[in-house]
C-alpha cells in the first residue's frame, strides 16, 4: 500500500461527516508505519478506546471507515477468528461495527465484522507480528493469495458499509 497522508485519510472517510473526520484522531507516526507491509492502515483512538479506524486504497482511491468496537468476541477463553485475515486469537478479536454510509447510517443502520483487536491483520499475515501459537492455520495458499483474500474480504466489508 502506498503511504497515506493525514489529509488523504481525513478526506477518505465514507461513513462520518466532514466535521467528524476533521476531529478524529489520526496516528502521528504515519511516516514510520511499515507501508510496504500494510494492506490497510488500522488504528484505535487513544482518547476513546472503543473507536477504531481503517484506511485503505480500493480501486486506486483512498477509502476510510470509522468503527466502534463492541468488545472482545463472546467467549474470551475460546479462540476467535478475524473475518479479514483469518488469524485466530484468544481474546484478540472484537466485533467492529461501522455505521453505514449516507442516509442508511443516519437512520442508525450499521455493518459489523469480527476483526483483530489491534487491526494489524497485514502484519499477522506476513509474520511481522505474532498472534501466538496456532494463530495461523496451515494453508496451501501462497502469501500473495492470502493477501489477496484479505483485500477481497476488506473490500466486501467496505462495500457493505457504502452499499
N, C-alpha and C. Protein backbone atom coordinates (compact mmCIF):
# COMPACT_ATOMS: atom_id res chain seq x y z
N UNK A 1 0.85 -1.17 0.00
CA UNK A 1 0.00 0.00 0.00
C UNK A 1 0.90 1.23 0.00
N UNK A 2 0.51 2.22 -0.76
CA UNK A 2 1.30 3.45 -0.77
C UNK A 2 0.97 4.27 0.48
N UNK A 3 1.95 5.00 0.99
CA UNK A 3 1.70 5.80 2.20
C UNK A 3 0.58 6.82 1.99
N UNK A 4 -0.22 7.00 3.02
CA UNK A 4 -1.29 7.99 3.00
C UNK A 4 -0.92 9.14 3.93
N UNK A 5 -1.31 10.33 3.54
CA UNK A 5 -1.10 11.49 4.39
C UNK A 5 -2.30 11.67 5.29
N UNK A 6 -2.14 12.48 6.31
CA UNK A 6 -3.25 12.77 7.22
C UNK A 6 -4.42 13.36 6.44
N UNK A 7 -4.16 14.25 5.52
CA UNK A 7 -5.23 14.88 4.73
C UNK A 7 -5.94 13.86 3.85
N UNK A 8 -5.19 12.97 3.22
CA UNK A 8 -5.81 11.93 2.39
C UNK A 8 -6.71 11.04 3.24
N UNK A 9 -6.25 10.72 4.42
CA UNK A 9 -7.05 9.87 5.32
C UNK A 9 -8.32 10.59 5.72
N UNK A 10 -8.21 11.83 6.15
CA UNK A 10 -9.39 12.58 6.62
C UNK A 10 -10.44 12.74 5.51
N UNK A 11 -10.01 12.97 4.29
CA UNK A 11 -10.97 13.16 3.20
C UNK A 11 -11.52 11.85 2.66
N UNK A 12 -10.93 10.72 3.05
CA UNK A 12 -11.35 9.42 2.53
C UNK A 12 -12.50 8.78 3.31
N UNK A 13 -12.89 9.35 4.45
CA UNK A 13 -13.94 8.73 5.27
C UNK A 13 -15.27 8.73 4.54
N UNK A 14 -15.91 7.56 4.53
CA UNK A 14 -17.18 7.40 3.81
C UNK A 14 -18.38 7.29 4.74
N UNK A 15 -18.15 7.10 6.03
CA UNK A 15 -19.28 6.87 6.93
C UNK A 15 -19.29 7.80 8.14
N UNK A 16 -18.75 8.99 7.97
CA UNK A 16 -18.88 10.01 9.00
C UNK A 16 -18.87 11.38 8.30
N UNK A 17 -19.28 12.40 9.02
CA UNK A 17 -19.34 13.72 8.42
C UNK A 17 -17.94 14.30 8.26
N UNK A 18 -17.83 15.34 7.46
CA UNK A 18 -16.54 16.01 7.29
C UNK A 18 -16.04 16.57 8.61
N UNK A 19 -16.95 17.07 9.43
CA UNK A 19 -16.58 17.60 10.75
C UNK A 19 -16.05 16.51 11.66
N UNK A 20 -16.71 15.35 11.66
CA UNK A 20 -16.23 14.23 12.46
C UNK A 20 -14.86 13.76 11.98
N UNK A 21 -14.68 13.69 10.66
CA UNK A 21 -13.39 13.26 10.10
C UNK A 21 -12.30 14.26 10.46
N UNK A 22 -12.64 15.53 10.53
CA UNK A 22 -11.66 16.57 10.88
C UNK A 22 -11.22 16.45 12.34
N UNK A 23 -12.14 16.03 13.22
CA UNK A 23 -11.85 15.97 14.65
C UNK A 23 -11.27 14.64 15.12
N UNK A 24 -11.41 13.58 14.34
CA UNK A 24 -10.95 12.27 14.82
C UNK A 24 -9.44 12.20 14.90
N UNK A 25 -8.98 11.27 15.69
CA UNK A 25 -7.55 11.10 15.96
C UNK A 25 -6.90 10.27 14.86
N UNK A 26 -5.92 10.87 14.17
CA UNK A 26 -5.14 10.18 13.14
C UNK A 26 -3.76 9.91 13.74
N UNK A 27 -3.17 8.75 13.48
CA UNK A 27 -1.85 8.46 14.05
C UNK A 27 -0.83 9.53 13.68
N UNK A 28 -0.01 9.89 14.65
CA UNK A 28 1.03 10.90 14.42
C UNK A 28 2.27 10.32 13.77
N UNK A 29 2.37 9.00 13.78
CA UNK A 29 3.58 8.35 13.27
C UNK A 29 3.39 7.77 11.86
N UNK A 30 2.64 8.43 11.02
CA UNK A 30 2.37 7.90 9.67
C UNK A 30 3.65 7.64 8.89
N UNK A 31 4.64 8.50 9.04
CA UNK A 31 5.89 8.34 8.30
C UNK A 31 6.66 7.09 8.73
N UNK A 32 6.46 6.63 9.96
CA UNK A 32 7.18 5.46 10.47
C UNK A 32 6.44 4.15 10.25
N UNK A 33 5.24 4.19 9.74
CA UNK A 33 4.46 2.96 9.55
C UNK A 33 5.11 2.10 8.47
N UNK A 34 5.01 0.76 8.59
CA UNK A 34 5.60 -0.14 7.59
C UNK A 34 4.69 -0.28 6.36
N UNK A 35 4.53 0.78 5.60
CA UNK A 35 3.57 0.85 4.50
C UNK A 35 3.73 -0.31 3.51
N UNK A 36 4.97 -0.74 3.27
CA UNK A 36 5.19 -1.82 2.30
C UNK A 36 4.58 -3.13 2.77
N UNK A 37 4.32 -3.25 4.08
CA UNK A 37 3.73 -4.46 4.65
C UNK A 37 2.24 -4.29 4.99
N UNK A 38 1.65 -3.18 4.65
CA UNK A 38 0.25 -2.92 5.02
C UNK A 38 -0.68 -3.04 3.82
N UNK A 39 -1.78 -3.74 4.04
CA UNK A 39 -2.86 -3.79 3.06
C UNK A 39 -3.89 -2.73 3.42
N UNK A 40 -3.90 -2.35 4.68
CA UNK A 40 -4.71 -1.24 5.16
C UNK A 40 -4.07 -0.70 6.44
N UNK A 41 -4.38 0.53 6.73
CA UNK A 41 -3.92 1.16 7.97
C UNK A 41 -5.08 1.09 8.96
N UNK A 42 -4.85 0.47 10.09
CA UNK A 42 -5.87 0.39 11.12
C UNK A 42 -5.32 0.94 12.42
N UNK A 43 -6.16 1.69 13.16
CA UNK A 43 -5.71 2.23 14.44
C UNK A 43 -6.90 2.48 15.34
N UNK A 44 -6.61 2.55 16.63
CA UNK A 44 -7.61 2.88 17.64
C UNK A 44 -7.37 4.30 18.12
N UNK A 45 -8.43 4.95 18.54
CA UNK A 45 -8.33 6.31 19.09
C UNK A 45 -7.83 6.20 20.52
N UNK A 46 -6.66 6.77 20.83
CA UNK A 46 -6.13 6.65 22.19
C UNK A 46 -7.01 7.34 23.24
N UNK A 47 -7.81 8.30 22.82
CA UNK A 47 -8.69 9.01 23.77
C UNK A 47 -10.03 8.31 23.94
N UNK A 48 -10.37 7.42 23.02
CA UNK A 48 -11.64 6.68 23.08
C UNK A 48 -11.38 5.27 22.57
N UNK A 49 -10.97 4.35 23.44
CA UNK A 49 -10.54 3.01 23.01
C UNK A 49 -11.61 2.19 22.29
N UNK A 50 -12.89 2.57 22.42
CA UNK A 50 -13.92 1.83 21.70
C UNK A 50 -14.03 2.30 20.24
N UNK A 51 -13.29 3.34 19.88
CA UNK A 51 -13.31 3.83 18.50
C UNK A 51 -12.08 3.35 17.75
N UNK A 52 -12.31 2.90 16.53
CA UNK A 52 -11.22 2.43 15.68
C UNK A 52 -11.47 2.95 14.27
N UNK A 53 -10.41 2.96 13.49
CA UNK A 53 -10.50 3.49 12.13
C UNK A 53 -9.67 2.61 11.22
N UNK A 54 -10.06 2.61 9.97
CA UNK A 54 -9.40 1.79 8.98
C UNK A 54 -9.32 2.59 7.69
N UNK A 55 -8.15 2.65 7.08
CA UNK A 55 -7.97 3.36 5.80
C UNK A 55 -7.22 2.46 4.84
N UNK A 56 -7.65 2.45 3.59
CA UNK A 56 -7.01 1.62 2.56
C UNK A 56 -7.19 2.29 1.22
N UNK A 57 -6.67 1.65 0.20
CA UNK A 57 -6.90 2.10 -1.17
C UNK A 57 -7.67 0.99 -1.87
N UNK A 58 -8.84 1.32 -2.39
CA UNK A 58 -9.65 0.38 -3.15
C UNK A 58 -9.91 0.99 -4.52
N UNK A 59 -9.67 0.23 -5.55
CA UNK A 59 -9.81 0.72 -6.92
C UNK A 59 -9.00 1.99 -7.14
N UNK A 60 -7.83 2.05 -6.51
CA UNK A 60 -6.91 3.16 -6.72
C UNK A 60 -7.23 4.44 -5.97
N UNK A 61 -8.24 4.42 -5.12
CA UNK A 61 -8.54 5.64 -4.35
C UNK A 61 -8.63 5.32 -2.86
N UNK A 62 -8.20 6.28 -2.03
CA UNK A 62 -8.27 6.05 -0.58
C UNK A 62 -9.72 5.97 -0.09
N UNK A 63 -9.95 5.04 0.81
CA UNK A 63 -11.26 4.87 1.46
C UNK A 63 -10.98 4.63 2.93
N UNK A 64 -11.72 5.31 3.79
CA UNK A 64 -11.55 5.14 5.23
C UNK A 64 -12.92 4.96 5.87
N UNK A 65 -12.97 4.18 6.95
CA UNK A 65 -14.22 3.95 7.68
C UNK A 65 -13.99 4.10 9.17
N UNK A 66 -14.99 4.62 9.83
CA UNK A 66 -14.99 4.74 11.28
C UNK A 66 -15.69 3.50 11.85
N UNK A 67 -15.13 2.95 12.92
CA UNK A 67 -15.64 1.74 13.54
C UNK A 67 -15.84 1.96 15.03
N UNK A 68 -16.70 1.17 15.61
CA UNK A 68 -16.84 1.10 17.07
C UNK A 68 -16.61 -0.34 17.46
N UNK A 69 -15.82 -0.51 18.48
CA UNK A 69 -15.56 -1.85 19.00
C UNK A 69 -16.60 -2.16 20.06
N UNK A 70 -17.24 -3.30 19.91
CA UNK A 70 -18.22 -3.68 20.92
C UNK A 70 -17.60 -4.63 21.93
N UNK A 71 -16.28 -4.67 21.97
CA UNK A 71 -15.60 -5.54 22.93
C UNK A 71 -15.13 -6.81 22.27
N UNK A 72 -14.56 -7.66 23.07
CA UNK A 72 -13.99 -8.91 22.57
C UNK A 72 -15.08 -9.86 22.14
N UNK A 73 -14.69 -10.87 21.42
CA UNK A 73 -15.60 -11.91 20.98
C UNK A 73 -16.28 -12.52 22.21
N UNK A 74 -17.47 -13.11 22.03
CA UNK A 74 -18.29 -13.55 23.16
C UNK A 74 -17.57 -14.32 24.26
N UNK A 75 -16.74 -15.27 23.94
CA UNK A 75 -16.04 -16.03 24.98
C UNK A 75 -14.54 -15.84 24.83
N UNK A 76 -13.94 -15.16 25.79
CA UNK A 76 -12.51 -14.89 25.68
C UNK A 76 -11.67 -16.13 25.91
N UNK A 77 -12.25 -17.18 26.46
CA UNK A 77 -11.50 -18.41 26.67
C UNK A 77 -11.36 -19.20 25.37
N UNK A 78 -12.26 -18.95 24.44
CA UNK A 78 -12.21 -19.64 23.15
C UNK A 78 -11.44 -18.82 22.14
N UNK A 79 -10.90 -19.50 21.17
CA UNK A 79 -10.21 -18.80 20.09
C UNK A 79 -11.25 -18.26 19.12
N UNK A 80 -11.02 -17.05 18.65
CA UNK A 80 -11.90 -16.43 17.67
C UNK A 80 -11.08 -16.06 16.45
N UNK A 81 -11.74 -16.03 15.30
CA UNK A 81 -11.04 -15.78 14.06
C UNK A 81 -11.45 -14.44 13.46
N UNK A 82 -10.45 -13.69 13.01
CA UNK A 82 -10.68 -12.44 12.30
C UNK A 82 -11.30 -12.75 10.95
N UNK A 83 -12.35 -12.03 10.59
CA UNK A 83 -13.01 -12.28 9.31
C UNK A 83 -12.27 -11.68 8.12
N UNK A 84 -11.26 -10.87 8.38
CA UNK A 84 -10.48 -10.29 7.28
C UNK A 84 -9.28 -11.16 6.93
N UNK A 85 -8.41 -11.41 7.93
CA UNK A 85 -7.15 -12.11 7.67
C UNK A 85 -7.17 -13.58 8.07
N UNK A 86 -8.22 -14.01 8.74
CA UNK A 86 -8.38 -15.39 9.20
C UNK A 86 -7.32 -15.82 10.20
N UNK A 87 -6.81 -14.85 10.97
CA UNK A 87 -5.92 -15.15 12.10
C UNK A 87 -6.81 -15.46 13.29
N UNK A 88 -6.44 -16.47 14.07
CA UNK A 88 -7.19 -16.79 15.27
C UNK A 88 -6.47 -16.22 16.49
N UNK A 89 -7.23 -15.78 17.45
CA UNK A 89 -6.71 -15.20 18.68
C UNK A 89 -7.52 -15.72 19.86
N UNK A 90 -6.91 -15.73 21.01
CA UNK A 90 -7.65 -15.96 22.25
C UNK A 90 -7.89 -14.59 22.84
N UNK A 91 -9.10 -14.09 22.72
CA UNK A 91 -9.45 -12.78 23.25
C UNK A 91 -8.88 -11.62 22.45
N UNK A 92 -8.40 -11.82 21.23
CA UNK A 92 -7.79 -10.75 20.45
C UNK A 92 -8.60 -10.35 19.23
N UNK A 93 -9.89 -10.71 19.23
CA UNK A 93 -10.78 -10.35 18.13
C UNK A 93 -11.98 -9.63 18.72
N UNK A 94 -12.39 -8.54 18.09
CA UNK A 94 -13.56 -7.79 18.54
C UNK A 94 -14.56 -7.64 17.42
N UNK A 95 -15.82 -7.53 17.80
CA UNK A 95 -16.84 -7.17 16.84
C UNK A 95 -16.69 -5.68 16.58
N UNK A 96 -16.33 -5.32 15.35
CA UNK A 96 -16.19 -3.92 14.95
C UNK A 96 -17.45 -3.57 14.16
N UNK A 97 -18.10 -2.51 14.58
CA UNK A 97 -19.35 -2.09 13.96
C UNK A 97 -19.14 -0.74 13.30
N UNK A 98 -19.57 -0.64 12.05
CA UNK A 98 -19.42 0.60 11.29
C UNK A 98 -20.79 1.11 10.89
N UNK A 99 -21.06 2.39 11.14
CA UNK A 99 -22.31 2.94 10.61
C UNK A 99 -22.26 2.89 9.09
N UNK A 100 -23.40 2.58 8.48
CA UNK A 100 -23.44 2.58 7.02
C UNK A 100 -23.27 4.01 6.52
N UNK A 101 -22.80 4.15 5.30
CA UNK A 101 -22.61 5.47 4.70
C UNK A 101 -23.97 6.07 4.31
N UNK A 102 -24.02 7.38 4.30
CA UNK A 102 -25.20 8.09 3.80
C UNK A 102 -26.42 8.02 4.70
N UNK A 103 -27.58 8.06 4.05
CA UNK A 103 -28.86 8.12 4.77
C UNK A 103 -29.08 6.89 5.65
N UNK A 104 -28.66 5.73 5.17
CA UNK A 104 -28.83 4.50 5.96
C UNK A 104 -28.10 4.62 7.29
N UNK A 105 -26.90 5.16 7.29
CA UNK A 105 -26.14 5.36 8.53
C UNK A 105 -26.79 6.39 9.43
N UNK A 106 -27.34 7.43 8.83
CA UNK A 106 -28.03 8.46 9.62
C UNK A 106 -29.27 7.90 10.29
N UNK A 107 -29.84 6.84 9.71
CA UNK A 107 -31.00 6.19 10.29
C UNK A 107 -30.62 5.12 11.31
N UNK A 108 -29.31 4.96 11.54
CA UNK A 108 -28.84 4.03 12.56
C UNK A 108 -28.44 2.66 12.05
N UNK A 109 -28.45 2.44 10.75
CA UNK A 109 -28.06 1.14 10.20
C UNK A 109 -26.55 0.99 10.26
N UNK A 110 -26.10 -0.22 10.52
CA UNK A 110 -24.66 -0.47 10.65
C UNK A 110 -24.31 -1.85 10.11
N UNK A 111 -23.02 -2.07 9.97
CA UNK A 111 -22.47 -3.34 9.50
C UNK A 111 -21.40 -3.75 10.50
N UNK A 112 -21.32 -5.03 10.80
CA UNK A 112 -20.31 -5.49 11.75
C UNK A 112 -19.48 -6.63 11.20
N UNK A 113 -18.29 -6.76 11.74
CA UNK A 113 -17.40 -7.87 11.39
C UNK A 113 -16.45 -8.12 12.56
N UNK A 114 -16.08 -9.37 12.74
CA UNK A 114 -15.07 -9.70 13.75
C UNK A 114 -13.70 -9.44 13.13
N UNK A 115 -12.92 -8.54 13.77
CA UNK A 115 -11.63 -8.11 13.24
C UNK A 115 -10.61 -8.13 14.37
N UNK A 116 -9.36 -8.36 14.01
CA UNK A 116 -8.27 -8.33 15.00
C UNK A 116 -8.37 -7.04 15.82
N UNK A 117 -8.32 -7.18 17.15
CA UNK A 117 -8.42 -6.04 18.06
C UNK A 117 -7.49 -4.89 17.70
N UNK A 118 -6.26 -5.24 17.34
CA UNK A 118 -5.26 -4.21 17.08
C UNK A 118 -5.20 -3.79 15.61
N UNK A 119 -6.08 -4.37 14.79
CA UNK A 119 -6.18 -4.05 13.36
C UNK A 119 -4.86 -4.26 12.63
N UNK A 120 -4.07 -5.22 13.07
CA UNK A 120 -2.76 -5.49 12.49
C UNK A 120 -2.79 -6.72 11.57
N UNK A 121 -3.90 -6.93 10.89
CA UNK A 121 -4.07 -8.11 10.03
C UNK A 121 -2.90 -8.29 9.06
N UNK A 122 -2.49 -7.21 8.41
CA UNK A 122 -1.42 -7.29 7.42
C UNK A 122 -0.13 -7.82 8.03
N UNK A 123 0.16 -7.41 9.26
CA UNK A 123 1.39 -7.84 9.92
C UNK A 123 1.31 -9.30 10.36
N UNK A 124 0.12 -9.76 10.76
CA UNK A 124 -0.05 -11.17 11.11
C UNK A 124 0.14 -12.04 9.87
N UNK A 125 -0.43 -11.62 8.75
CA UNK A 125 -0.30 -12.40 7.51
C UNK A 125 1.15 -12.60 7.12
N UNK A 126 1.95 -11.55 7.29
CA UNK A 126 3.34 -11.57 6.85
C UNK A 126 4.31 -12.04 7.94
N UNK A 127 3.77 -12.53 9.05
CA UNK A 127 4.58 -12.97 10.19
C UNK A 127 5.47 -11.85 10.73
N UNK A 128 5.03 -10.61 10.63
CA UNK A 128 5.75 -9.47 11.20
C UNK A 128 5.30 -9.21 12.63
N UNK A 129 4.16 -9.85 12.99
CA UNK A 129 3.62 -9.76 14.34
C UNK A 129 3.09 -11.14 14.70
N UNK A 130 3.34 -11.57 15.92
CA UNK A 130 2.96 -12.90 16.36
C UNK A 130 1.67 -12.85 17.17
N UNK A 131 0.71 -13.64 16.76
CA UNK A 131 -0.56 -13.72 17.49
C UNK A 131 -0.59 -14.92 18.43
N UNK A 132 0.54 -15.59 18.56
CA UNK A 132 0.62 -16.72 19.48
C UNK A 132 0.53 -18.05 18.77
N UNK A 133 0.71 -19.14 19.54
CA UNK A 133 0.68 -20.48 18.95
C UNK A 133 -0.68 -20.78 18.32
N UNK A 134 -0.64 -21.36 17.13
CA UNK A 134 -1.87 -21.77 16.46
C UNK A 134 -2.66 -20.64 15.85
N UNK A 135 -2.10 -19.44 15.79
CA UNK A 135 -2.84 -18.28 15.28
C UNK A 135 -3.06 -18.35 13.78
N UNK A 136 -2.12 -18.92 13.07
CA UNK A 136 -2.24 -19.03 11.62
C UNK A 136 -2.47 -20.50 11.28
N UNK A 137 -3.58 -20.79 10.67
CA UNK A 137 -3.87 -22.16 10.25
C UNK A 137 -2.97 -22.51 9.07
N UNK A 138 -2.58 -23.78 9.00
CA UNK A 138 -1.77 -24.21 7.86
C UNK A 138 -2.64 -24.19 6.61
N UNK A 139 -2.16 -23.50 5.59
CA UNK A 139 -2.88 -23.42 4.32
C UNK A 139 -1.90 -23.65 3.18
N UNK A 140 -2.42 -24.10 2.06
CA UNK A 140 -1.57 -24.29 0.89
C UNK A 140 -1.48 -23.03 0.04
N UNK A 141 -2.18 -21.97 0.44
CA UNK A 141 -2.14 -20.71 -0.30
C UNK A 141 -0.79 -20.03 -0.14
N UNK A 142 -0.37 -19.32 -1.17
CA UNK A 142 0.84 -18.52 -1.08
C UNK A 142 0.54 -17.25 -0.27
N UNK A 143 1.59 -16.56 0.14
CA UNK A 143 1.39 -15.30 0.85
C UNK A 143 0.59 -14.33 -0.01
N UNK A 144 0.92 -14.24 -1.29
CA UNK A 144 0.19 -13.32 -2.18
C UNK A 144 -1.30 -13.67 -2.24
N UNK A 145 -1.63 -14.96 -2.26
CA UNK A 145 -3.03 -15.38 -2.28
C UNK A 145 -3.73 -15.02 -0.96
N UNK A 146 -3.04 -15.16 0.15
CA UNK A 146 -3.60 -14.79 1.45
C UNK A 146 -3.83 -13.28 1.53
N UNK A 147 -2.87 -12.53 1.00
CA UNK A 147 -3.01 -11.06 0.97
C UNK A 147 -4.21 -10.69 0.12
N UNK A 148 -4.33 -11.31 -1.06
CA UNK A 148 -5.46 -11.01 -1.94
C UNK A 148 -6.78 -11.37 -1.28
N UNK A 149 -6.83 -12.48 -0.55
CA UNK A 149 -8.06 -12.87 0.15
C UNK A 149 -8.42 -11.82 1.20
N UNK A 150 -7.42 -11.34 1.93
CA UNK A 150 -7.67 -10.32 2.95
C UNK A 150 -8.19 -9.03 2.30
N UNK A 151 -7.59 -8.63 1.20
CA UNK A 151 -8.04 -7.42 0.49
C UNK A 151 -9.47 -7.61 -0.02
N UNK A 152 -9.77 -8.80 -0.52
CA UNK A 152 -11.13 -9.09 -1.00
C UNK A 152 -12.12 -9.03 0.16
N UNK A 153 -11.77 -9.62 1.30
CA UNK A 153 -12.63 -9.57 2.48
C UNK A 153 -12.85 -8.14 2.95
N UNK A 154 -11.78 -7.35 2.94
CA UNK A 154 -11.87 -5.94 3.34
C UNK A 154 -12.76 -5.18 2.36
N UNK A 155 -12.57 -5.40 1.07
CA UNK A 155 -13.38 -4.71 0.05
C UNK A 155 -14.86 -5.06 0.21
N UNK A 156 -15.16 -6.31 0.54
CA UNK A 156 -16.55 -6.71 0.76
C UNK A 156 -17.13 -6.01 1.99
N UNK A 157 -16.35 -5.91 3.06
CA UNK A 157 -16.79 -5.20 4.27
C UNK A 157 -17.08 -3.73 3.95
N UNK A 158 -16.16 -3.09 3.24
CA UNK A 158 -16.35 -1.68 2.88
C UNK A 158 -17.56 -1.53 1.95
N UNK A 159 -17.74 -2.47 1.02
CA UNK A 159 -18.91 -2.41 0.11
C UNK A 159 -20.21 -2.52 0.90
N UNK A 160 -20.23 -3.32 1.97
CA UNK A 160 -21.42 -3.40 2.81
C UNK A 160 -21.68 -2.08 3.53
N UNK A 161 -20.63 -1.38 3.87
CA UNK A 161 -20.77 -0.09 4.55
C UNK A 161 -21.28 0.97 3.57
N UNK A 162 -20.76 0.97 2.36
CA UNK A 162 -21.11 2.01 1.39
C UNK A 162 -22.34 1.68 0.55
N UNK A 163 -22.74 0.39 0.53
CA UNK A 163 -23.85 -0.04 -0.33
C UNK A 163 -25.20 0.17 0.27
